[in-house]
Amino acid sequence: MPGLDREAMQAAMSRIQKLSDDNWWALHASCTLMEAQAWVGPSGNRFGDAVHKNQQELRAMLVKAVTMAQDELAKAK
């Protein structure tokens, strides 16, 4: 986030962290239901695989966003 002053960078970091915290568990309920066999058969298996993959991807993106913001904030010191 080049060009932001320290205060703006801190605000951006706080917002990114809050968004990460708010969305970390977004797919947890669906994953849990699929683990409990809420939907079975080939379609259920495909959906379960997809929702678990999407949860992993979402969490990886959230970690990356927070890490990048933290790195930028550290550089702004």
PDB file of N, CA and C in Angstrom:
ATOM      1  N   MET A   1       0.833  -1.171   0.000  1.00  0.00           N
ATOM      2  CA  MET A   1       0.000   0.000   0.000  1.00  0.00           C
ATOM      3  C   MET A   1       0.883   1.242   0.000  1.00  0.00           C
ATOM      4  N   PRO A   2       1.619   1.408  -1.077  1.00  0.00           N
ATOM      5  CA  PRO A   2       2.527   2.539  -1.164  1.00  0.00           C
ATOM      6  C   PRO A   2       1.791   3.879  -1.105  1.00  0.00           C
ATOM      7  N   GLY A   3       2.463   4.851  -0.525  1.00  0.00           N
ATOM      8  CA  GLY A   3       1.921   6.199  -0.502  1.00  0.00           C
ATOM      9  C   GLY A   3       1.051   6.512   0.705  1.00  0.00           C
ATOM     10  N   LEU A   4       0.747   5.525   1.522  1.00  0.00           N
ATOM     11  CA  LEU A   4      -0.076   5.784   2.693  1.00  0.00           C
ATOM     12  C   LEU A   4       0.810   6.207   3.862  1.00  0.00           C
ATOM     13  N   ASP A   5       0.331   7.166   4.648  1.00  0.00           N
ATOM     14  CA  ASP A   5       1.092   7.529   5.834  1.00  0.00           C
ATOM     15  C   ASP A   5       0.862   6.474   6.924  1.00  0.00           C
ATOM     16  N   ARG A   6       1.600   6.570   7.980  1.00  0.00           N
ATOM     17  CA  ARG A   6       1.565   5.556   9.050  1.00  0.00           C
ATOM     18  C   ARG A   6       0.162   5.383   9.626  1.00  0.00           C
ATOM     19  N   GLU A   7      -0.526   6.472   9.854  1.00  0.00           N
ATOM     20  CA  GLU A   7      -1.873   6.408  10.430  1.00  0.00           C
ATOM     21  C   GLU A   7      -2.840   5.709   9.476  1.00  0.00           C
ATOM     22  N   ALA A   8      -2.781   6.056   8.207  1.00  0.00           N
ATOM     23  CA  ALA A   8      -3.644   5.425   7.210  1.00  0.00           C
ATOM     24  C   ALA A   8      -3.301   3.944   7.070  1.00  0.00           C
ATOM     25  N   MET A   9      -2.022   3.643   7.140  1.00  0.00           N
ATOM     26  CA  MET A   9      -1.590   2.251   7.044  1.00  0.00           C
ATOM     27  C   MET A   9      -2.104   1.449   8.230  1.00  0.00           C
ATOM     28  N   GLN A  10      -2.057   2.027   9.423  1.00  0.00           N
ATOM     29  CA  GLN A  10      -2.572   1.351  10.617  1.00  0.00           C
ATOM     30  C   GLN A  10      -4.078   1.115  10.483  1.00  0.00           C
ATOM     31  N   ALA A  11      -4.798   2.093   9.974  1.00  0.00           N
ATOM     32  CA  ALA A  11      -6.244   1.941   9.771  1.00  0.00           C
ATOM     33  C   ALA A  11      -6.537   0.838   8.755  1.00  0.00           C
ATOM     34  N   ALA A  12      -5.760   0.801   7.683  1.00  0.00           N
ATOM     35  CA  ALA A  12      -5.941  -0.244   6.667  1.00  0.00           C
ATOM     36  C   ALA A  12      -5.647  -1.615   7.264  1.00  0.00           C
ATOM     37  N   MET A  13      -4.586  -1.703   8.043  1.00  0.00           N
ATOM     38  CA  MET A  13      -4.226  -2.969   8.679  1.00  0.00           C
ATOM     39  C   MET A  13      -5.339  -3.437   9.607  1.00  0.00           C
ATOM     40  N   SER A  14      -5.891  -2.543  10.383  1.00  0.00           N
ATOM     41  CA  SER A  14      -6.979  -2.886  11.305  1.00  0.00           C
ATOM     42  C   SER A  14      -8.204  -3.379  10.547  1.00  0.00           C
ATOM     43  N   ARG A  15      -8.525  -2.726   9.449  1.00  0.00           N
ATOM     44  CA  ARG A  15      -9.684  -3.125   8.640  1.00  0.00           C
ATOM     45  C   ARG A  15      -9.465  -4.499   8.003  1.00  0.00           C
ATOM     46  N   ILE A  16      -8.273  -4.731   7.487  1.00  0.00           N
ATOM     47  CA  ILE A  16      -7.953  -6.024   6.883  1.00  0.00           C
ATOM     48  C   ILE A  16      -8.031  -7.126   7.934  1.00  0.00           C
ATOM     49  N   GLN A  17      -7.498  -6.877   9.116  1.00  0.00           N
ATOM     50  CA  GLN A  17      -7.555  -7.868  10.190  1.00  0.00           C
ATOM     51  C   GLN A  17      -8.994  -8.156  10.586  1.00  0.00           C
ATOM     52  N   LYS A  18      -9.823  -7.108  10.686  1.00  0.00           N
ATOM     53  CA  LYS A  18     -11.232  -7.302  11.050  1.00  0.00           C
ATOM     54  C   LYS A  18     -11.960  -8.114   9.984  1.00  0.00           C
ATOM     55  N   LEU A  19     -11.731  -7.804   8.718  1.00  0.00           N
ATOM     56  CA  LEU A  19     -12.356  -8.572   7.640  1.00  0.00           C
ATOM     57  C   LEU A  19     -11.920 -10.039   7.693  1.00  0.00           C
ATOM     58  N   SER A  20     -10.655 -10.255   7.977  1.00  0.00           N
ATOM     59  CA  SER A  20     -10.155 -11.623   8.105  1.00  0.00           C
ATOM     60  C   SER A  20     -10.854 -12.336   9.260  1.00  0.00           C
ATOM     61  N   ASP A  21     -10.894 -11.690  10.406  1.00  0.00           N
ATOM     62  CA  ASP A  21     -11.547 -12.286  11.574  1.00  0.00           C
ATOM     63  C   ASP A  21     -13.022 -12.574  11.304  1.00  0.00           C
ATOM     64  N   ASP A  22     -13.698 -11.643  10.651  1.00  0.00           N
ATOM     65  CA  ASP A  22     -15.127 -11.790  10.374  1.00  0.00           C
ATOM     66  C   ASP A  22     -15.418 -12.915   9.383  1.00  0.00           C
ATOM     67  N   ASN A  23     -14.481 -13.201   8.490  1.00  0.00           N
ATOM     68  CA  ASN A  23     -14.742 -14.172   7.430  1.00  0.00           C
ATOM     69  C   ASN A  23     -14.024 -15.506   7.601  1.00  0.00           C
ATOM     70  N   TRP A  24     -13.193 -15.641   8.630  1.00  0.00           N
ATOM     71  CA  TRP A  24     -12.413 -16.859   8.832  1.00  0.00           C
ATOM     72  C   TRP A  24     -13.318 -18.095   8.901  1.00  0.00           C
ATOM     73  N   TRP A  25     -14.445 -17.976   9.565  1.00  0.00           N
ATOM     74  CA  TRP A  25     -15.340 -19.112   9.793  1.00  0.00           C
ATOM     75  C   TRP A  25     -16.491 -19.188   8.798  1.00  0.00           C
ATOM     76  N   ALA A  26     -16.414 -18.438   7.710  1.00  0.00           N
ATOM     77  CA  ALA A  26     -17.536 -18.336   6.763  1.00  0.00           C
ATOM     78  C   ALA A  26     -18.010 -19.684   6.234  1.00  0.00           C
ATOM     79  N   LEU A  27     -17.131 -20.596   5.974  1.00  0.00           N
ATOM     80  CA  LEU A  27     -17.522 -21.884   5.398  1.00  0.00           C
ATOM     81  C   LEU A  27     -17.476 -23.030   6.412  1.00  0.00           C
ATOM     82  N   HIS A  28     -17.201 -22.700   7.653  1.00  0.00           N
ATOM     83  CA  HIS A  28     -17.056 -23.734   8.683  1.00  0.00           C
ATOM     84  C   HIS A  28     -18.333 -24.562   8.853  1.00  0.00           C
ATOM     85  N   ALA A  29     -19.476 -23.907   8.933  1.00  0.00           N
ATOM     86  CA  ALA A  29     -20.735 -24.639   9.146  1.00  0.00           C
ATOM     87  C   ALA A  29     -21.004 -25.617   8.002  1.00  0.00           C
ATOM     88  N   SER A  30     -20.769 -25.180   6.778  1.00  0.00           N
ATOM     89  CA  SER A  30     -20.985 -26.068   5.636  1.00  0.00           C
ATOM     90  C   SER A  30     -20.027 -27.254   5.670  1.00  0.00           C
ATOM     91  N   CYS A  31     -18.776 -27.002   6.008  1.00  0.00           N
ATOM     92  CA  CYS A  31     -17.788 -28.082   6.104  1.00  0.00           C
ATOM     93  C   CYS A  31     -18.188 -29.070   7.191  1.00  0.00           C
ATOM     94  N   THR A  32     -18.613 -28.548   8.327  1.00  0.00           N
ATOM     95  CA  THR A  32     -19.019 -29.408   9.435  1.00  0.00           C
ATOM     96  C   THR A  32     -20.217 -30.265   9.052  1.00  0.00           C
ATOM     97  N   LEU A  33     -21.190 -29.678   8.391  1.00  0.00           N
ATOM     98  CA  LEU A  33     -22.359 -30.443   7.952  1.00  0.00           C
ATOM     99  C   LEU A  33     -21.966 -31.537   6.966  1.00  0.00           C
ATOM    100  N   MET A  34     -21.062 -31.220   6.062  1.00  0.00           N
ATOM    101  CA  MET A  34     -20.639 -32.223   5.090  1.00  0.00           C
ATOM    102  C   MET A  34     -19.858 -33.343   5.760  1.00  0.00           C
ATOM    103  N   GLU A  35     -19.074 -33.026   6.772  1.00  0.00           N
ATOM    104  CA  GLU A  35     -18.361 -34.056   7.528  1.00  0.00           C
ATOM    105  C   GLU A  35     -19.327 -34.960   8.281  1.00  0.00           C
ATOM    106  N   ALA A  36     -20.498 -34.427   8.625  1.00  0.00           N
ATOM    107  CA  ALA A  36     -21.525 -35.195   9.336  1.00  0.00           C
ATOM    108  C   ALA A  36     -22.471 -35.902   8.370  1.00  0.00           C
ATOM    109  N   GLN A  37     -22.073 -35.957   7.097  1.00  0.00           N
ATOM    110  CA  GLN A  37     -22.858 -36.662   6.080  1.00  0.00           C
ATOM    111  C   GLN A  37     -24.232 -36.028   5.834  1.00  0.00           C
ATOM    112  N   ALA A  38     -24.291 -34.701   5.850  1.00  0.00           N
ATOM    113  CA  ALA A  38     -25.548 -33.999   5.606  1.00  0.00           C
ATOM    114  C   ALA A  38     -26.062 -34.231   4.189  1.00  0.00           C
ATOM    115  N   TRP A  39     -25.158 -34.473   3.275  1.00  0.00           N
ATOM    116  CA  TRP A  39     -25.538 -34.715   1.879  1.00  0.00           C
ATOM    117  C   TRP A  39     -24.631 -35.824   1.395  1.00  0.00           C
ATOM    118  N   VAL A  40     -25.199 -36.934   0.986  1.00  0.00           N
ATOM    119  CA  VAL A  40     -24.403 -38.095   0.599  1.00  0.00           C
ATOM    120  C   VAL A  40     -24.550 -38.377  -0.891  1.00  0.00           C
ATOM    121  N   GLY A  41     -23.769 -39.311  -1.339  1.00  0.00           N
ATOM    122  CA  GLY A  41     -23.784 -39.679  -2.749  1.00  0.00           C
ATOM    123  C   GLY A  41     -22.740 -38.899  -3.519  1.00  0.00           C
ATOM    124  N   PRO A  42     -22.652 -39.154  -4.805  1.00  0.00           N
ATOM    125  CA  PRO A  42     -21.625 -38.501  -5.628  1.00  0.00           C
ATOM    126  C   PRO A  42     -21.720 -36.970  -5.621  1.00  0.00           C
ATOM    127  N   SER A  43     -22.934 -36.451  -5.702  1.00  0.00           N
ATOM    128  CA  SER A  43     -23.094 -34.989  -5.685  1.00  0.00           C
ATOM    129  C   SER A  43     -22.678 -34.415  -4.342  1.00  0.00           C
ATOM    130  N   GLY A  44     -23.060 -35.092  -3.274  1.00  0.00           N
ATOM    131  CA  GLY A  44     -22.680 -34.650  -1.944  1.00  0.00           C
ATOM    132  C   GLY A  44     -21.177 -34.702  -1.749  1.00  0.00           C
ATOM    133  N   ASN A  45     -20.556 -35.752  -2.255  1.00  0.00           N
ATOM    134  CA  ASN A  45     -19.100 -35.863  -2.157  1.00  0.00           C
ATOM    135  C   ASN A  45     -18.404 -34.743  -2.914  1.00  0.00           C
ATOM    136  N   ARG A  46     -18.895 -34.452  -4.112  1.00  0.00           N
ATOM    137  CA  ARG A  46     -18.292 -33.365  -4.897  1.00  0.00           C
ATOM    138  C   ARG A  46     -18.462 -32.031  -4.184  1.00  0.00           C
ATOM    139  N   PHE A  47     -19.658 -31.790  -3.659  1.00  0.00           N
ATOM    140  CA  PHE A  47     -19.899 -30.544  -2.938  1.00  0.00           C
ATOM    141  C   PHE A  47     -19.016 -30.463  -1.700  1.00  0.00           C
ATOM    142  N   GLY A  48     -18.928 -31.552  -0.950  1.00  0.00           N
ATOM    143  CA  GLY A  48     -18.094 -31.571   0.255  1.00  0.00           C
ATOM    144  C   GLY A  48     -16.635 -31.282  -0.075  1.00  0.00           C
ATOM    145  N   ASP A  49     -16.141 -31.907  -1.132  1.00  0.00           N
ATOM    146  CA  ASP A  49     -14.761 -31.648  -1.551  1.00  0.00           C
ATOM    147  C   ASP A  49     -14.577 -30.185  -1.938  1.00  0.00           C
ATOM    148  N   ALA A  50     -15.542 -29.661  -2.688  1.00  0.00           N
ATOM    149  CA  ALA A  50     -15.450 -28.270  -3.155  1.00  0.00           C
ATOM    150  C   ALA A  50     -15.508 -27.282  -1.990  1.00  0.00           C
ATOM    151  N   VAL A  51     -16.408 -27.519  -1.046  1.00  0.00           N
ATOM    152  CA  VAL A  51     -16.549 -26.561   0.056  1.00  0.00           C
ATOM    153  C   VAL A  51     -15.309 -26.593   0.954  1.00  0.00           C
ATOM    154  N   HIS A  52     -14.714 -27.763   1.150  1.00  0.00           N
ATOM    155  CA  HIS A  52     -13.479 -27.841   1.927  1.00  0.00           C
ATOM    156  C   HIS A  52     -12.325 -27.144   1.192  1.00  0.00           C
ATOM    157  N   LYS A  53     -12.256 -27.344  -0.110  1.00  0.00           N
ATOM    158  CA  LYS A  53     -11.219 -26.684  -0.912  1.00  0.00           C
ATOM    159  C   LYS A  53     -11.403 -25.166  -0.851  1.00  0.00           C
ATOM    160  N   ASN A  54     -12.641 -24.721  -0.978  1.00  0.00           N
ATOM    161  CA  ASN A  54     -12.911 -23.283  -0.922  1.00  0.00           C
ATOM    162  C   ASN A  54     -12.572 -22.700   0.440  1.00  0.00           C
ATOM    163  N   GLN A  55     -12.826 -23.454   1.505  1.00  0.00           N
ATOM    164  CA  GLN A  55     -12.472 -22.975   2.842  1.00  0.00           C
ATOM    165  C   GLN A  55     -10.953 -22.819   2.959  1.00  0.00           C
ATOM    166  N   GLN A  56     -10.212 -23.795   2.466  1.00  0.00           N
ATOM    167  CA  GLN A  56      -8.750 -23.713   2.514  1.00  0.00           C
ATOM    168  C   GLN A  56      -8.242 -22.521   1.715  1.00  0.00           C
ATOM    169  N   GLU A  57      -8.810 -22.308   0.532  1.00  0.00           N
ATOM    170  CA  GLU A  57      -8.387 -21.180  -0.305  1.00  0.00           C
ATOM    171  C   GLU A  57      -8.725 -19.850   0.350  1.00  0.00           C
ATOM    172  N   LEU A  58      -9.922 -19.746   0.912  1.00  0.00           N
ATOM    173  CA  LEU A  58     -10.328 -18.511   1.589  1.00  0.00           C
ATOM    174  C   LEU A  58      -9.378 -18.201   2.741  1.00  0.00           C
ATOM    175  N   ARG A  59      -9.104 -19.193   3.559  1.00  0.00           N
ATOM    176  CA  ARG A  59      -8.226 -18.967   4.702  1.00  0.00           C
ATOM    177  C   ARG A  59      -6.811 -18.614   4.266  1.00  0.00           C
ATOM    178  N   ALA A  60      -6.338 -19.229   3.191  1.00  0.00           N
ATOM    179  CA  ALA A  60      -5.004 -18.890   2.675  1.00  0.00           C
ATOM    180  C   ALA A  60      -4.967 -17.441   2.197  1.00  0.00           C
ATOM    181  N   MET A  61      -6.028 -17.008   1.523  1.00  0.00           N
ATOM    182  CA  MET A  61      -6.082 -15.612   1.054  1.00  0.00           C
ATOM    183  C   MET A  61      -6.145 -14.641   2.223  1.00  0.00           C
ATOM    184  N   LEU A  62      -6.905 -14.981   3.254  1.00  0.00           N
ATOM    185  CA  LEU A  62      -7.003 -14.106   4.425  1.00  0.00           C
ATOM    186  C   LEU A  62      -5.655 -13.993   5.129  1.00  0.00           C
ATOM    187  N   VAL A  63      -4.967 -15.116   5.279  1.00  0.00           N
ATOM    188  CA  VAL A  63      -3.635 -15.096   5.911  1.00  0.00           C
ATOM    189  C   VAL A  63      -2.687 -14.240   5.079  1.00  0.00           C
ATOM    190  N   LYS A  64      -2.742 -14.400   3.770  1.00  0.00           N
ATOM    191  CA  LYS A  64      -1.865 -13.631   2.885  1.00  0.00           C
ATOM    192  C   LYS A  64      -2.153 -12.134   2.995  1.00  0.00           C
ATOM    193  N   ALA A  65      -3.423 -11.762   3.005  1.00  0.00           N
ATOM    194  CA  ALA A  65      -3.779 -10.345   3.099  1.00  0.00           C
ATOM    195  C   ALA A  65      -3.298  -9.732   4.413  1.00  0.00           C
ATOM    196  N   VAL A  66      -3.496 -10.441   5.504  1.00  0.00           N
ATOM    197  CA  VAL A  66      -3.064  -9.933   6.807  1.00  0.00           C
ATOM    198  C   VAL A  66      -1.541  -9.833   6.859  1.00  0.00           C
ATOM    199  N   THR A  67      -0.871 -10.845   6.366  1.00  0.00           N
ATOM    200  CA  THR A  67       0.597 -10.845   6.369  1.00  0.00           C
ATOM    201  C   THR A  67       1.145  -9.700   5.525  1.00  0.00           C
ATOM    202  N   MET A  68       0.579  -9.495   4.352  1.00  0.00           N
ATOM    203  CA  MET A  68       1.031  -8.399   3.489  1.00  0.00           C
ATOM    204  C   MET A  68       0.807  -7.050   4.162  1.00  0.00           C
ATOM    205  N   ALA A  69      -0.345  -6.881   4.804  1.00  0.00           N
ATOM    206  CA  ALA A  69      -0.632  -5.618   5.485  1.00  0.00           C
ATOM    207  C   ALA A  69       0.326  -5.406   6.659  1.00  0.00           C
ATOM    208  N   GLN A  70       0.602  -6.471   7.401  1.00  0.00           N
ATOM    209  CA  GLN A  70       1.544  -6.364   8.517  1.00  0.00           C
ATOM    210  C   GLN A  70       2.935  -5.988   8.014  1.00  0.00           C
ATOM    211  N   ASP A  71       3.351  -6.594   6.912  1.00  0.00           N
ATOM    212  CA  ASP A  71       4.665  -6.284   6.337  1.00  0.00           C
ATOM    213  C   ASP A  71       4.747  -4.823   5.904  1.00  0.00           C
ATOM    214  N   GLU A  72       3.705  -4.347   5.258  1.00  0.00           N
ATOM    215  CA  GLU A  72       3.670  -2.943   4.823  1.00  0.00           C
ATOM    216  C   GLU A  72       3.677  -1.987   6.008  1.00  0.00           C
ATOM    217  N   LEU A  73       2.944  -2.349   7.040  1.00  0.00           N
ATOM    218  CA  LEU A  73       2.912  -1.518   8.243  1.00  0.00           C
ATOM    219  C   LEU A  73       4.289  -1.481   8.905  1.00  0.00           C
ATOM    220  N   ALA A  74       4.957  -2.611   8.945  1.00  0.00           N
ATOM    221  CA  ALA A  74       6.311  -2.659   9.527  1.00  0.00           C
ATOM    222  C   ALA A  74       7.279  -1.785   8.730  1.00  0.00           C
ATOM    223  N   LYS A  75       7.143  -1.744   7.419  1.00  0.00           N
ATOM    224  CA  LYS A  75       7.988  -0.917   6.575  1.00  0.00           C
ATOM    225  C   LYS A  75       7.725   0.577   6.801  1.00  0.00           C
ATOM    226  N   ALA A  76       6.507   0.906   7.203  1.00  0.00           N
ATOM    227  CA  ALA A  76       6.116   2.310   7.374  1.00  0.00           C
ATOM    228  C   ALA A  76       6.656   2.905   8.667  1.00  0.00           C
ATOM    229  N   LYS A  77       7.277   2.127   9.514  1.00  0.00           N
ATOM    230  CA  LYS A  77       7.786   2.636  10.798  1.00  0.00           C
ATOM    231  C   LYS A  77       8.934   3.590  10.610  1.00  0.00           C
TER     232      LYS A  77
END
